[in-house]
Amino acid sequence: MISQIEQAIEGFEKMSADKRSAMRGILQRYVEGDMGLDEAYYELLDTGLIPMPSRCAMKPKVASEGDEARLKDMIKARILQ
């Protein structure tokens, strides 16, 4: 889940302006605590901002606080500057 969001952040500059705006809005709400990681992930999936994972790529992994903190720092540095 986190790796998919990180990949989307890596490709943020290559997205169209409307997709960047949608992604920025979702990730800003996540960083501000208005939604959790799961909700942000599913909203990104629903809006087509990240691709649906294939079944074989789906692995249950519980995100640690360190993983989420690193993700939020990445979002702040690259998306919400």
C-alpha atoms as a PDB file:
ATOM      1  CA  MET A   1       0.000   0.000   0.000  1.00  0.00           C
ATOM      2  CA  ILE A   2       2.668   2.492   1.038  1.00  0.00           C
ATOM      3  CA  SER A   3       4.945   1.483  -1.831  1.00  0.00           C
ATOM      4  CA  GLN A   4       2.143   2.095  -4.346  1.00  0.00           C
ATOM      5  CA  ILE A   5       1.526   5.558  -2.944  1.00  0.00           C
ATOM      6  CA  GLU A   6       5.259   6.263  -3.024  1.00  0.00           C
ATOM      7  CA  GLN A   7       5.394   5.208  -6.683  1.00  0.00           C
ATOM      8  CA  ALA A   8       2.524   7.575  -7.472  1.00  0.00           C
ATOM      9  CA  ILE A   9       4.368  10.383  -5.690  1.00  0.00           C
ATOM     10  CA  GLU A  10       7.471   9.633  -7.761  1.00  0.00           C
ATOM     11  CA  GLY A  11       5.404  10.118 -10.936  1.00  0.00           C
ATOM     12  CA  PHE A  12       3.524  13.162  -9.638  1.00  0.00           C
ATOM     13  CA  GLU A  13       5.195  15.656 -11.978  1.00  0.00           C
ATOM     14  CA  LYS A  14       4.297  13.546 -15.019  1.00  0.00           C
ATOM     15  CA  MET A  15       0.564  13.584 -14.205  1.00  0.00           C
ATOM     16  CA  SER A  16      -1.911  15.917 -15.816  1.00  0.00           C
ATOM     17  CA  ALA A  17      -2.839  19.037 -13.864  1.00  0.00           C
ATOM     18  CA  ASP A  18      -6.265  17.697 -12.846  1.00  0.00           C
ATOM     19  CA  LYS A  19      -4.780  14.422 -11.579  1.00  0.00           C
ATOM     20  CA  ARG A  20      -2.100  16.313  -9.636  1.00  0.00           C
ATOM     21  CA  SER A  21      -4.791  18.461  -8.066  1.00  0.00           C
ATOM     22  CA  ALA A  22      -6.882  15.425  -7.083  1.00  0.00           C
ATOM     23  CA  MET A  23      -3.860  13.607  -5.664  1.00  0.00           C
ATOM     24  CA  ARG A  24      -2.727  16.706  -3.757  1.00  0.00           C
ATOM     25  CA  GLY A  25      -6.186  17.030  -2.186  1.00  0.00           C
ATOM     26  CA  ILE A  26      -6.338  13.410  -1.056  1.00  0.00           C
ATOM     27  CA  LEU A  27      -2.795  13.350   0.290  1.00  0.00           C
ATOM     28  CA  GLN A  28      -3.214  16.688   2.052  1.00  0.00           C
ATOM     29  CA  ARG A  29      -6.257  15.341   3.915  1.00  0.00           C
ATOM     30  CA  TYR A  30      -4.210  12.261   4.845  1.00  0.00           C
ATOM     31  CA  VAL A  31      -1.235  14.291   6.112  1.00  0.00           C
ATOM     32  CA  GLU A  32      -3.533  16.582   8.107  1.00  0.00           C
ATOM     33  CA  GLY A  33      -5.144  13.561   9.785  1.00  0.00           C
ATOM     34  CA  ASP A  34      -8.583  13.980   8.233  1.00  0.00           C
ATOM     35  CA  MET A  35      -8.360  10.401   6.927  1.00  0.00           C
ATOM     36  CA  GLY A  36      -6.288   7.339   7.638  1.00  0.00           C
ATOM     37  CA  LEU A  37      -3.842   5.568   5.366  1.00  0.00           C
ATOM     38  CA  ASP A  38      -6.380   2.937   4.299  1.00  0.00           C
ATOM     39  CA  GLU A  39      -8.974   5.542   3.351  1.00  0.00           C
ATOM     40  CA  ALA A  40      -6.424   7.584   1.385  1.00  0.00           C
ATOM     41  CA  TYR A  41      -5.233   4.446  -0.401  1.00  0.00           C
ATOM     42  CA  TYR A  42      -8.750   3.397  -1.428  1.00  0.00           C
ATOM     43  CA  GLU A  43      -9.642   6.912  -2.547  1.00  0.00           C
ATOM     44  CA  LEU A  44      -6.494   6.988  -4.722  1.00  0.00           C
ATOM     45  CA  LEU A  45      -7.538   3.615  -6.169  1.00  0.00           C
ATOM     46  CA  ASP A  46     -11.145   4.715  -6.744  1.00  0.00           C
ATOM     47  CA  THR A  47     -10.083   7.857  -8.580  1.00  0.00           C
ATOM     48  CA  GLY A  48      -7.587   5.961 -10.749  1.00  0.00           C
ATOM     49  CA  LEU A  49      -4.574   7.817  -9.380  1.00  0.00           C
ATOM     50  CA  ILE A  50      -2.863   4.547  -8.523  1.00  0.00           C
ATOM     51  CA  PRO A  51      -3.404   1.282 -10.385  1.00  0.00           C
ATOM     52  CA  MET A  52      -5.354  -1.588  -8.886  1.00  0.00           C
ATOM     53  CA  PRO A  53      -2.820  -4.163  -7.688  1.00  0.00           C
ATOM     54  CA  SER A  54      -2.876  -7.582  -9.241  1.00  0.00           C
ATOM     55  CA  ARG A  55      -3.819 -10.433  -6.938  1.00  0.00           C
ATOM     56  CA  CYS A  56      -0.310 -11.845  -6.868  1.00  0.00           C
ATOM     57  CA  ALA A  57       1.091  -8.471  -5.826  1.00  0.00           C
ATOM     58  CA  MET A  58      -1.294  -8.107  -2.916  1.00  0.00           C
ATOM     59  CA  LYS A  59       0.471  -8.910   0.335  1.00  0.00           C
ATOM     60  CA  PRO A  60      -0.876  -8.047   3.724  1.00  0.00           C
ATOM     61  CA  LYS A  61       1.608  -5.758   5.404  1.00  0.00           C
ATOM     62  CA  VAL A  62       0.907  -3.699   8.441  1.00  0.00           C
ATOM     63  CA  ALA A  63       2.412  -0.255   8.125  1.00  0.00           C
ATOM     64  CA  SER A  64       4.540   0.767  11.065  1.00  0.00           C
ATOM     65  CA  GLU A  65       4.514   4.252  12.513  1.00  0.00           C
ATOM     66  CA  GLY A  66       7.952   4.776  10.966  1.00  0.00           C
ATOM     67  CA  ASP A  67       6.646   3.826   7.523  1.00  0.00           C
ATOM     68  CA  GLU A  68       3.750   6.249   7.806  1.00  0.00           C
ATOM     69  CA  ALA A  69       5.971   9.034   9.122  1.00  0.00           C
ATOM     70  CA  ARG A  70       8.361   8.522   6.189  1.00  0.00           C
ATOM     71  CA  LEU A  71       5.426   8.585   3.751  1.00  0.00           C
ATOM     72  CA  LYS A  72       4.033  11.789   5.256  1.00  0.00           C
ATOM     73  CA  ASP A  73       7.471  13.421   5.042  1.00  0.00           C
ATOM     74  CA  MET A  74       7.705  12.398   1.377  1.00  0.00           C
ATOM     75  CA  ILE A  75       4.244  13.850   0.680  1.00  0.00           C
ATOM     76  CA  LYS A  76       5.125  17.123   2.400  1.00  0.00           C
ATOM     77  CA  ALA A  77       8.407  17.435   0.509  1.00  0.00           C
ATOM     78  CA  ARG A  78       7.179  16.538  -2.963  1.00  0.00           C
ATOM     79  CA  ILE A  79       3.458  17.295  -3.113  1.00  0.00           C
ATOM     80  CA  LEU A  80       2.577  19.931  -0.526  1.00  0.00           C
ATOM     81  CA  GLN A  81       5.607  22.229  -0.830  1.00  0.00           C
END
